[in-house]
Amino acid sequence: MSLTHPHEAILLPGDILFLPSLWPHTASPTSGISIAVNVFFRDLECGYAVGKDVYGNRDLQAYEKGRQDIAKVVKTFEKLPSNAQSFYLQRLVAEFQDKSLNI
């Protein structure tokens, strides 16, 4: 299940598209010439990304670690019957969503 909500924008000559800091994105010209100017605002003092990330293309370090942690949690349920796996993992997701809404 994807929680992304893509947006599409068609820019006309002279238009500018501002993307907020840390906003994942992709772009492609529909025709003709396209010019992109990148300005990287480093508004995080630390924990931006693991290793070198000159162009700001990597996910946040906390997100990458969180994905690894989730993989470990899911692995602990591997030996349970699939209906039990599903029930408890969905329950954990609901708890996580509940806690994240209180941040």
PDB file of N, CA and C in Angstrom:
ATOM      1  N   MET A   1       0.840  -1.175   0.000  1.00  0.00           N
ATOM      2  CA  MET A   1       0.000   0.000   0.000  1.00  0.00           C
ATOM      3  C   MET A   1       0.890   1.245   0.000  1.00  0.00           C
ATOM      4  N   SER A   2       0.691   2.095  -0.940  1.00  0.00           N
ATOM      5  CA  SER A   2       1.478   3.315  -1.050  1.00  0.00           C
ATOM      6  C   SER A   2       0.740   4.463  -0.367  1.00  0.00           C
ATOM      7  N   LEU A   3       1.488   5.220   0.397  1.00  0.00           N
ATOM      8  CA  LEU A   3       0.897   6.384   1.068  1.00  0.00           C
ATOM      9  C   LEU A   3       1.272   7.678   0.360  1.00  0.00           C
ATOM     10  N   THR A   4       1.810   7.564  -0.865  1.00  0.00           N
ATOM     11  CA  THR A   4       2.188   8.763  -1.600  1.00  0.00           C
ATOM     12  C   THR A   4       0.997   9.327  -2.349  1.00  0.00           C
ATOM     13  N   HIS A   5       1.024  10.596  -2.572  1.00  0.00           N
ATOM     14  CA  HIS A   5      -0.020  11.293  -3.308  1.00  0.00           C
ATOM     15  C   HIS A   5       0.669  12.194  -4.334  1.00  0.00           C
ATOM     16  N   PRO A   6       0.986  11.654  -5.508  1.00  0.00           N
ATOM     17  CA  PRO A   6       1.744  12.456  -6.474  1.00  0.00           C
ATOM     18  C   PRO A   6       0.947  13.651  -6.991  1.00  0.00           C
ATOM     19  N   HIS A   7       1.674  14.691  -7.315  1.00  0.00           N
ATOM     20  CA  HIS A   7       1.101  15.892  -7.904  1.00  0.00           C
ATOM     21  C   HIS A   7       1.805  16.120  -9.235  1.00  0.00           C
ATOM     22  N   GLU A   8       1.069  16.573 -10.204  1.00  0.00           N
ATOM     23  CA  GLU A   8       1.654  16.862 -11.499  1.00  0.00           C
ATOM     24  C   GLU A   8       1.466  18.337 -11.796  1.00  0.00           C
ATOM     25  N   ALA A   9       2.514  18.947 -12.319  1.00  0.00           N
ATOM     26  CA  ALA A   9       2.441  20.359 -12.674  1.00  0.00           C
ATOM     27  C   ALA A   9       3.016  20.541 -14.072  1.00  0.00           C
ATOM     28  N   ILE A  10       2.303  21.252 -14.900  1.00  0.00           N
ATOM     29  CA  ILE A  10       2.795  21.626 -16.222  1.00  0.00           C
ATOM     30  C   ILE A  10       3.190  23.096 -16.133  1.00  0.00           C
ATOM     31  N   LEU A  11       4.463  23.361 -16.340  1.00  0.00           N
ATOM     32  CA  LEU A  11       4.955  24.735 -16.239  1.00  0.00           C
ATOM     33  C   LEU A  11       5.024  25.367 -17.625  1.00  0.00           C
ATOM     34  N   LEU A  12       4.717  26.621 -17.680  1.00  0.00           N
ATOM     35  CA  LEU A  12       4.797  27.385 -18.917  1.00  0.00           C
ATOM     36  C   LEU A  12       6.076  28.215 -18.901  1.00  0.00           C
ATOM     37  N   PRO A  13       6.525  28.698 -20.050  1.00  0.00           N
ATOM     38  CA  PRO A  13       7.730  29.536 -20.069  1.00  0.00           C
ATOM     39  C   PRO A  13       7.638  30.660 -19.041  1.00  0.00           C
ATOM     40  N   GLY A  14       8.695  30.774 -18.246  1.00  0.00           N
ATOM     41  CA  GLY A  14       8.741  31.802 -17.213  1.00  0.00           C
ATOM     42  C   GLY A  14       8.234  31.336 -15.861  1.00  0.00           C
ATOM     43  N   ASP A  15       7.563  30.179 -15.804  1.00  0.00           N
ATOM     44  CA  ASP A  15       7.069  29.652 -14.524  1.00  0.00           C
ATOM     45  C   ASP A  15       8.221  29.085 -13.710  1.00  0.00           C
ATOM     46  N   ILE A  16       8.051  29.102 -12.407  1.00  0.00           N
ATOM     47  CA  ILE A  16       9.024  28.540 -11.472  1.00  0.00           C
ATOM     48  C   ILE A  16       8.286  27.596 -10.541  1.00  0.00           C
ATOM     49  N   LEU A  17       8.890  26.465 -10.269  1.00  0.00           N
ATOM     50  CA  LEU A  17       8.327  25.504  -9.317  1.00  0.00           C
ATOM     51  C   LEU A  17       9.263  25.432  -8.121  1.00  0.00           C
ATOM     52  N   PHE A  18       8.751  25.776  -6.958  1.00  0.00           N
ATOM     53  CA  PHE A  18       9.531  25.696  -5.724  1.00  0.00           C
ATOM     54  C   PHE A  18       9.211  24.380  -5.032  1.00  0.00           C
ATOM     55  N   LEU A  19      10.237  23.606  -4.712  1.00  0.00           N
ATOM     56  CA  LEU A  19      10.071  22.356  -3.970  1.00  0.00           C
ATOM     57  C   LEU A  19      10.650  22.550  -2.575  1.00  0.00           C
ATOM     58  N   PRO A  20       9.861  22.285  -1.553  1.00  0.00           N
ATOM     59  CA  PRO A  20      10.356  22.456  -0.178  1.00  0.00           C
ATOM     60  C   PRO A  20      11.544  21.547   0.116  1.00  0.00           C
ATOM     61  N   SER A  21      12.311  21.932   1.090  1.00  0.00           N
ATOM     62  CA  SER A  21      13.446  21.140   1.538  1.00  0.00           C
ATOM     63  C   SER A  21      13.004  19.726   1.889  1.00  0.00           C
ATOM     64  N   LEU A  22      13.796  18.740   1.495  1.00  0.00           N
ATOM     65  CA  LEU A  22      13.590  17.316   1.776  1.00  0.00           C
ATOM     66  C   LEU A  22      12.346  16.746   1.091  1.00  0.00           C
ATOM     67  N   TRP A  23      11.842  17.379   0.049  1.00  0.00           N
ATOM     68  CA  TRP A  23      10.647  16.923  -0.663  1.00  0.00           C
ATOM     69  C   TRP A  23      11.084  16.038  -1.827  1.00  0.00           C
ATOM     70  N   PRO A  24      10.809  14.732  -1.763  1.00  0.00           N
ATOM     71  CA  PRO A  24      11.182  13.861  -2.882  1.00  0.00           C
ATOM     72  C   PRO A  24      10.448  14.284  -4.153  1.00  0.00           C
ATOM     73  N   HIS A  25      11.142  14.252  -5.280  1.00  0.00           N
ATOM     74  CA  HIS A  25      10.503  14.682  -6.517  1.00  0.00           C
ATOM     75  C   HIS A  25      11.235  14.118  -7.734  1.00  0.00           C
ATOM     76  N   THR A  26      10.580  14.207  -8.845  1.00  0.00           N
ATOM     77  CA  THR A  26      11.176  13.892 -10.136  1.00  0.00           C
ATOM     78  C   THR A  26      10.571  14.849 -11.150  1.00  0.00           C
ATOM     79  N   ALA A  27      11.293  15.085 -12.219  1.00  0.00           N
ATOM     80  CA  ALA A  27      10.798  16.009 -13.240  1.00  0.00           C
ATOM     81  C   ALA A  27      11.268  15.537 -14.603  1.00  0.00           C
ATOM     82  N   SER A  28      10.464  15.831 -15.606  1.00  0.00           N
ATOM     83  CA  SER A  28      10.873  15.527 -16.977  1.00  0.00           C
ATOM     84  C   SER A  28      10.228  16.537 -17.912  1.00  0.00           C
ATOM     85  N   PRO A  29      11.005  17.015 -18.893  1.00  0.00           N
ATOM     86  CA  PRO A  29      10.447  17.977 -19.839  1.00  0.00           C
ATOM     87  C   PRO A  29       9.456  17.289 -20.780  1.00  0.00           C
ATOM     88  N   THR A  30       8.402  17.983 -21.116  1.00  0.00           N
ATOM     89  CA  THR A  30       7.437  17.421 -22.062  1.00  0.00           C
ATOM     90  C   THR A  30       7.850  17.712 -23.498  1.00  0.00           C
ATOM     91  N   SER A  31       8.642  18.763 -23.694  1.00  0.00           N
ATOM     92  CA  SER A  31       9.176  19.080 -25.020  1.00  0.00           C
ATOM     93  C   SER A  31      10.189  20.209 -24.881  1.00  0.00           C
ATOM     94  N   GLY A  32      10.977  20.394 -25.894  1.00  0.00           N
ATOM     95  CA  GLY A  32      11.899  21.519 -25.920  1.00  0.00           C
ATOM     96  C   GLY A  32      12.998  21.449 -24.887  1.00  0.00           C
ATOM     97  N   ILE A  33      13.428  22.599 -24.453  1.00  0.00           N
ATOM     98  CA  ILE A  33      14.545  22.725 -23.516  1.00  0.00           C
ATOM     99  C   ILE A  33      14.009  22.919 -22.101  1.00  0.00           C
ATOM    100  N   SER A  34      14.687  22.296 -21.154  1.00  0.00           N
ATOM    101  CA  SER A  34      14.320  22.445 -19.746  1.00  0.00           C
ATOM    102  C   SER A  34      15.562  22.854 -18.968  1.00  0.00           C
ATOM    103  N   ILE A  35      15.412  23.795 -18.068  1.00  0.00           N
ATOM    104  CA  ILE A  35      16.522  24.248 -17.238  1.00  0.00           C
ATOM    105  C   ILE A  35      16.131  24.056 -15.780  1.00  0.00           C
ATOM    106  N   ALA A  36      17.034  23.471 -15.007  1.00  0.00           N
ATOM    107  CA  ALA A  36      16.800  23.286 -13.577  1.00  0.00           C
ATOM    108  C   ALA A  36      17.920  23.958 -12.798  1.00  0.00           C
ATOM    109  N   VAL A  37      17.556  24.641 -11.734  1.00  0.00           N
ATOM    110  CA  VAL A  37      18.531  25.255 -10.843  1.00  0.00           C
ATOM    111  C   VAL A  37      18.260  24.703  -9.456  1.00  0.00           C
ATOM    112  N   ASN A  38      19.271  24.140  -8.851  1.00  0.00           N
ATOM    113  CA  ASN A  38      19.129  23.562  -7.514  1.00  0.00           C
ATOM    114  C   ASN A  38      19.869  24.409  -6.495  1.00  0.00           C
ATOM    115  N   VAL A  39      19.208  24.697  -5.420  1.00  0.00           N
ATOM    116  CA  VAL A  39      19.823  25.376  -4.292  1.00  0.00           C
ATOM    117  C   VAL A  39      19.516  24.516  -3.083  1.00  0.00           C
ATOM    118  N   PHE A  40      20.553  24.052  -2.417  1.00  0.00           N
ATOM    119  CA  PHE A  40      20.344  23.142  -1.306  1.00  0.00           C
ATOM    120  C   PHE A  40      20.418  23.895   0.010  1.00  0.00           C
ATOM    121  N   PHE A  41      19.312  23.868   0.709  1.00  0.00           N
ATOM    122  CA  PHE A  41      19.242  24.487   2.021  1.00  0.00           C
ATOM    123  C   PHE A  41      19.468  23.387   3.048  1.00  0.00           C
ATOM    124  N   ARG A  42      20.517  23.475   3.783  1.00  0.00           N
ATOM    125  CA  ARG A  42      20.817  22.473   4.809  1.00  0.00           C
ATOM    126  C   ARG A  42      20.242  22.956   6.134  1.00  0.00           C
ATOM    127  N   ASP A  43      18.962  22.670   6.343  1.00  0.00           N
ATOM    128  CA  ASP A  43      18.343  23.144   7.580  1.00  0.00           C
ATOM    129  C   ASP A  43      18.389  22.099   8.684  1.00  0.00           C
ATOM    130  N   LEU A  44      19.097  21.001   8.437  1.00  0.00           N
ATOM    131  CA  LEU A  44      19.318  20.011   9.483  1.00  0.00           C
ATOM    132  C   LEU A  44      20.792  20.079   9.872  1.00  0.00           C
ATOM    133  N   GLU A  45      21.050  20.224  11.162  1.00  0.00           N
ATOM    134  CA  GLU A  45      22.433  20.327  11.598  1.00  0.00           C
ATOM    135  C   GLU A  45      23.151  18.993  11.519  1.00  0.00           C
ATOM    136  N   CYS A  46      22.428  17.894  11.723  1.00  0.00           N
ATOM    137  CA  CYS A  46      23.044  16.577  11.648  1.00  0.00           C
ATOM    138  C   CYS A  46      21.971  15.555  11.306  1.00  0.00           C
ATOM    139  N   GLY A  47      22.407  14.365  10.928  1.00  0.00           N
ATOM    140  CA  GLY A  47      21.470  13.284  10.667  1.00  0.00           C
ATOM    141  C   GLY A  47      20.781  13.358   9.328  1.00  0.00           C
ATOM    142  N   TYR A  48      21.364  14.155   8.405  1.00  0.00           N
ATOM    143  CA  TYR A  48      20.704  14.277   7.108  1.00  0.00           C
ATOM    144  C   TYR A  48      20.682  12.940   6.381  1.00  0.00           C
ATOM    145  N   ALA A  49      21.843  12.417   6.016  1.00  0.00           N
ATOM    146  CA  ALA A  49      21.893  11.140   5.309  1.00  0.00           C
ATOM    147  C   ALA A  49      23.175  10.416   5.674  1.00  0.00           C
ATOM    148  N   VAL A  50      23.127   9.105   5.523  1.00  0.00           N
ATOM    149  CA  VAL A  50      24.305   8.285   5.780  1.00  0.00           C
ATOM    150  C   VAL A  50      25.273   8.464   4.617  1.00  0.00           C
ATOM    151  N   GLY A  51      26.555   8.640   4.911  1.00  0.00           N
ATOM    152  CA  GLY A  51      27.553   8.747   3.851  1.00  0.00           C
ATOM    153  C   GLY A  51      27.466  10.062   3.100  1.00  0.00           C
ATOM    154  N   LYS A  52      28.136  10.085   1.952  1.00  0.00           N
ATOM    155  CA  LYS A  52      28.145  11.299   1.129  1.00  0.00           C
ATOM    156  C   LYS A  52      26.845  11.398   0.339  1.00  0.00           C
ATOM    157  N   ASP A  53      26.282  12.572   0.336  1.00  0.00           N
ATOM    158  CA  ASP A  53      25.054  12.815  -0.410  1.00  0.00           C
ATOM    159  C   ASP A  53      25.121  14.243  -0.944  1.00  0.00           C
ATOM    160  N   VAL A  54      26.004  14.460  -1.885  1.00  0.00           N
ATOM    161  CA  VAL A  54      26.290  15.793  -2.395  1.00  0.00           C
ATOM    162  C   VAL A  54      25.045  16.472  -2.954  1.00  0.00           C
ATOM    163  N   TYR A  55      24.182  15.710  -3.636  1.00  0.00           N
ATOM    164  CA  TYR A  55      23.034  16.315  -4.304  1.00  0.00           C
ATOM    165  C   TYR A  55      21.737  16.235  -3.497  1.00  0.00           C
ATOM    166  N   GLY A  56      21.780  15.728  -2.301  1.00  0.00           N
ATOM    167  CA  GLY A  56      20.581  15.665  -1.468  1.00  0.00           C
ATOM    168  C   GLY A  56      19.558  14.667  -1.972  1.00  0.00           C
ATOM    169  N   ASN A  57      20.022  13.559  -2.558  1.00  0.00           N
ATOM    170  CA  ASN A  57      19.111  12.565  -3.123  1.00  0.00           C
ATOM    171  C   ASN A  57      18.757  11.432  -2.167  1.00  0.00           C
ATOM    172  N   ARG A  58      19.462  11.305  -1.086  1.00  0.00           N
ATOM    173  CA  ARG A  58      19.229  10.198  -0.159  1.00  0.00           C
ATOM    174  C   ARG A  58      18.118  10.556   0.815  1.00  0.00           C
ATOM    175  N   ASP A  59      17.474   9.512   1.330  1.00  0.00           N
ATOM    176  CA  ASP A  59      16.477   9.731   2.379  1.00  0.00           C
ATOM    177  C   ASP A  59      17.171  10.117   3.673  1.00  0.00           C
ATOM    178  N   LEU A  60      16.409  10.689   4.593  1.00  0.00           N
ATOM    179  CA  LEU A  60      16.961  11.056   5.898  1.00  0.00           C
ATOM    180  C   LEU A  60      17.521   9.826   6.594  1.00  0.00           C
ATOM    181  N   GLN A  61      18.581  10.036   7.346  1.00  0.00           N
ATOM    182  CA  GLN A  61      19.224   8.962   8.088  1.00  0.00           C
ATOM    183  C   GLN A  61      18.221   8.263   9.012  1.00  0.00           C
ATOM    184  N   ALA A  62      17.370   9.013   9.683  1.00  0.00           N
ATOM    185  CA  ALA A  62      16.381   8.436  10.596  1.00  0.00           C
ATOM    186  C   ALA A  62      15.407   7.534   9.840  1.00  0.00           C
ATOM    187  N   TYR A  63      15.023   7.932   8.633  1.00  0.00           N
ATOM    188  CA  TYR A  63      14.109   7.119   7.825  1.00  0.00           C
ATOM    189  C   TYR A  63      14.775   5.816   7.404  1.00  0.00           C
ATOM    190  N   GLU A  64      16.026   5.910   6.933  1.00  0.00           N
ATOM    191  CA  GLU A  64      16.741   4.699   6.521  1.00  0.00           C
ATOM    192  C   GLU A  64      16.871   3.733   7.702  1.00  0.00           C
ATOM    193  N   LYS A  65      17.196   4.254   8.882  1.00  0.00           N
ATOM    194  CA  LYS A  65      17.312   3.395  10.062  1.00  0.00           C
ATOM    195  C   LYS A  65      15.950   2.827  10.430  1.00  0.00           C
ATOM    196  N   GLY A  66      14.906   3.630  10.333  1.00  0.00           N
ATOM    197  CA  GLY A  66      13.560   3.160  10.630  1.00  0.00           C
ATOM    198  C   GLY A  66      13.147   2.005   9.721  1.00  0.00           C
ATOM    199  N   ARG A  67      13.474   2.095   8.440  1.00  0.00           N
ATOM    200  CA  ARG A  67      13.160   1.003   7.513  1.00  0.00           C
ATOM    201  C   ARG A  67      13.875  -0.281   7.916  1.00  0.00           C
ATOM    202  N   GLN A  68      15.131  -0.162   8.347  1.00  0.00           N
ATOM    203  CA  GLN A  68      15.872  -1.342   8.807  1.00  0.00           C
ATOM    204  C   GLN A  68      15.218  -1.924  10.060  1.00  0.00           C
ATOM    205  N   ASP A  69      14.803  -1.052  10.970  1.00  0.00           N
ATOM    206  CA  ASP A  69      14.149  -1.509  12.199  1.00  0.00           C
ATOM    207  C   ASP A  69      12.829  -2.219  11.884  1.00  0.00           C
ATOM    208  N   ILE A  70      12.069  -1.678  10.938  1.00  0.00           N
ATOM    209  CA  ILE A  70      10.802  -2.309  10.549  1.00  0.00           C
ATOM    210  C   ILE A  70      11.057  -3.696   9.971  1.00  0.00           C
ATOM    211  N   ALA A  71      12.089  -3.825   9.151  1.00  0.00           N
ATOM    212  CA  ALA A  71      12.421  -5.129   8.570  1.00  0.00           C
ATOM    213  C   ALA A  71      12.732  -6.143   9.675  1.00  0.00           C
ATOM    214  N   LYS A  72      13.415  -5.709  10.731  1.00  0.00           N
ATOM    215  CA  LYS A  72      13.722  -6.604  11.855  1.00  0.00           C
ATOM    216  C   LYS A  72      12.447  -7.024  12.583  1.00  0.00           C
ATOM    217  N   VAL A  73      11.540  -6.070  12.788  1.00  0.00           N
ATOM    218  CA  VAL A  73      10.282  -6.375  13.478  1.00  0.00           C
ATOM    219  C   VAL A  73       9.467  -7.374  12.657  1.00  0.00           C
ATOM    220  N   VAL A  74       9.343  -7.127  11.371  1.00  0.00           N
ATOM    221  CA  VAL A  74       8.575  -8.021  10.497  1.00  0.00           C
ATOM    222  C   VAL A  74       9.165  -9.429  10.532  1.00  0.00           C
ATOM    223  N   LYS A  75      10.488  -9.522  10.547  1.00  0.00           N
ATOM    224  CA  LYS A  75      11.159 -10.839  10.572  1.00  0.00           C
ATOM    225  C   LYS A  75      10.786 -11.634  11.824  1.00  0.00           C
ATOM    226  N   THR A  76      10.533 -10.955  12.944  1.00  0.00           N
ATOM    227  CA  THR A  76      10.186 -11.668  14.172  1.00  0.00           C
ATOM    228  C   THR A  76       8.835 -12.368  14.080  1.00  0.00           C
ATOM    229  N   PHE A  77       8.020 -11.981  13.105  1.00  0.00           N
ATOM    230  CA  PHE A  77       6.693 -12.579  12.932  1.00  0.00           C
ATOM    231  C   PHE A  77       6.680 -13.695  11.884  1.00  0.00           C
ATOM    232  N   GLU A  78       7.826 -13.939  11.228  1.00  0.00           N
ATOM    233  CA  GLU A  78       7.875 -14.883  10.105  1.00  0.00           C
ATOM    234  C   GLU A  78       7.355 -16.283  10.417  1.00  0.00           C
ATOM    235  N   LYS A  79       7.580 -16.781  11.607  1.00  0.00           N
ATOM    236  CA  LYS A  79       7.217 -18.168  11.927  1.00  0.00           C
ATOM    237  C   LYS A  79       5.788 -18.325  12.414  1.00  0.00           C
ATOM    238  N   LEU A  80       5.069 -17.235  12.523  1.00  0.00           N
ATOM    239  CA  LEU A  80       3.669 -17.302  12.933  1.00  0.00           C
ATOM    240  C   LEU A  80       2.786 -17.604  11.720  1.00  0.00           C
ATOM    241  N   PRO A  81       1.609 -18.170  11.937  1.00  0.00           N
ATOM    242  CA  PRO A  81       0.671 -18.352  10.826  1.00  0.00           C
ATOM    243  C   PRO A  81       0.347 -17.000  10.180  1.00  0.00           C
ATOM    244  N   SER A  82       0.051 -17.021   8.889  1.00  0.00           N
ATOM    245  CA  SER A  82      -0.138 -15.765   8.158  1.00  0.00           C
ATOM    246  C   SER A  82      -1.264 -14.898   8.733  1.00  0.00           C
ATOM    247  N   ASN A  83      -2.336 -15.523   9.236  1.00  0.00           N
ATOM    248  CA  ASN A  83      -3.424 -14.701   9.796  1.00  0.00           C
ATOM    249  C   ASN A  83      -2.974 -13.998  11.077  1.00  0.00           C
ATOM    250  N   ALA A  84      -2.131 -14.651  11.875  1.00  0.00           N
ATOM    251  CA  ALA A  84      -1.602 -14.016  13.091  1.00  0.00           C
ATOM    252  C   ALA A  84      -0.612 -12.914  12.715  1.00  0.00           C
ATOM    253  N   GLN A  85       0.242 -13.184  11.702  1.00  0.00           N
ATOM    254  CA  GLN A  85       1.176 -12.153  11.225  1.00  0.00           C
ATOM    255  C   GLN A  85       0.410 -10.898  10.827  1.00  0.00           C
ATOM    256  N   SER A  86      -0.596 -11.100  10.002  1.00  0.00           N
ATOM    257  CA  SER A  86      -1.376  -9.983   9.486  1.00  0.00           C
ATOM    258  C   SER A  86      -2.044  -9.203  10.618  1.00  0.00           C
ATOM    259  N   PHE A  87      -2.679  -9.927  11.536  1.00  0.00           N
ATOM    260  CA  PHE A  87      -3.387  -9.276  12.638  1.00  0.00           C
ATOM    261  C   PHE A  87      -2.447  -8.411  13.462  1.00  0.00           C
ATOM    262  N   TYR A  88      -1.316  -8.984  13.896  1.00  0.00           N
ATOM    263  CA  TYR A  88      -0.432  -8.249  14.794  1.00  0.00           C
ATOM    264  C   TYR A  88       0.355  -7.149  14.081  1.00  0.00           C
ATOM    265  N   LEU A  89       0.731  -7.376  12.833  1.00  0.00           N
ATOM    266  CA  LEU A  89       1.431  -6.316  12.110  1.00  0.00           C
ATOM    267  C   LEU A  89       0.498  -5.142  11.827  1.00  0.00           C
ATOM    268  N   GLN A  90      -0.755  -5.440  11.497  1.00  0.00           N
ATOM    269  CA  GLN A  90      -1.718  -4.347  11.297  1.00  0.00           C
ATOM    270  C   GLN A  90      -1.969  -3.596  12.602  1.00  0.00           C
ATOM    271  N   ARG A  91      -1.961  -4.321  13.683  1.00  0.00           N
ATOM    272  CA  ARG A  91      -2.136  -3.688  14.996  1.00  0.00           C
ATOM    273  C   ARG A  91      -0.964  -2.756  15.309  1.00  0.00           C
ATOM    274  N   LEU A  92       0.266  -3.214  14.979  1.00  0.00           N
ATOM    275  CA  LEU A  92       1.434  -2.359  15.184  1.00  0.00           C
ATOM    276  C   LEU A  92       1.368  -1.107  14.305  1.00  0.00           C
ATOM    277  N   VAL A  93       0.940  -1.280  13.070  1.00  0.00           N
ATOM    278  CA  VAL A  93       0.802  -0.127  12.164  1.00  0.00           C
ATOM    279  C   VAL A  93      -0.169   0.885  12.756  1.00  0.00           C
ATOM    280  N   ALA A  94      -1.300   0.401  13.264  1.00  0.00           N
ATOM    281  CA  ALA A  94      -2.300   1.296  13.856  1.00  0.00           C
ATOM    282  C   ALA A  94      -1.726   2.034  15.067  1.00  0.00           C
ATOM    283  N   GLU A  95      -0.952   1.327  15.890  1.00  0.00           N
ATOM    284  CA  GLU A  95      -0.332   1.970  17.056  1.00  0.00           C
ATOM    285  C   GLU A  95       0.677   3.028  16.618  1.00  0.00           C
ATOM    286  N   PHE A  96       1.445   2.698  15.582  1.00  0.00           N
ATOM    287  CA  PHE A  96       2.415   3.643  15.065  1.00  0.00           C
ATOM    288  C   PHE A  96       1.736   4.897  14.526  1.00  0.00           C
ATOM    289  N   GLN A  97       0.665   4.709  13.763  1.00  0.00           N
ATOM    290  CA  GLN A  97      -0.078   5.844  13.223  1.00  0.00           C
ATOM    291  C   GLN A  97      -0.660   6.696  14.347  1.00  0.00           C
ATOM    292  N   ASP A  98      -1.170   6.036  15.365  1.00  0.00           N
ATOM    293  CA  ASP A  98      -1.746   6.735  16.503  1.00  0.00           C
ATOM    294  C   ASP A  98      -0.697   7.600  17.190  1.00  0.00           C
ATOM    295  N   LYS A  99       0.481   7.041  17.410  1.00  0.00           N
ATOM    296  CA  LYS A  99       1.558   7.785  18.084  1.00  0.00           C
ATOM    297  C   LYS A  99       2.086   8.903  17.192  1.00  0.00           C
ATOM    298  N   SER A 100       2.187   8.655  15.880  1.00  0.00           N
ATOM    299  CA  SER A 100       2.730   9.676  14.999  1.00  0.00           C
ATOM    300  C   SER A 100       1.782  10.869  14.862  1.00  0.00           C
ATOM    301  N   LEU A 101       0.494  10.655  15.059  1.00  0.00           N
ATOM    302  CA  LEU A 101      -0.456  11.765  15.002  1.00  0.00           C
ATOM    303  C   LEU A 101      -0.329  12.673  16.213  1.00  0.00           C
ATOM    304  N   ASN A 102       0.261  12.174  17.298  1.00  0.00           N
ATOM    305  CA  ASN A 102       0.404  12.963  18.521  1.00  0.00           C
ATOM    306  C   ASN A 102       1.727  13.718  18.585  1.00  0.00           C
ATOM    307  N   ILE A 103       2.504  13.665  17.508  1.00  0.00           N
ATOM    308  CA  ILE A 103       3.811  14.347  17.534  1.00  0.00           C
ATOM    309  C   ILE A 103       3.626  15.830  17.344  1.00  0.00           C
TER     310      ILE A 103
END
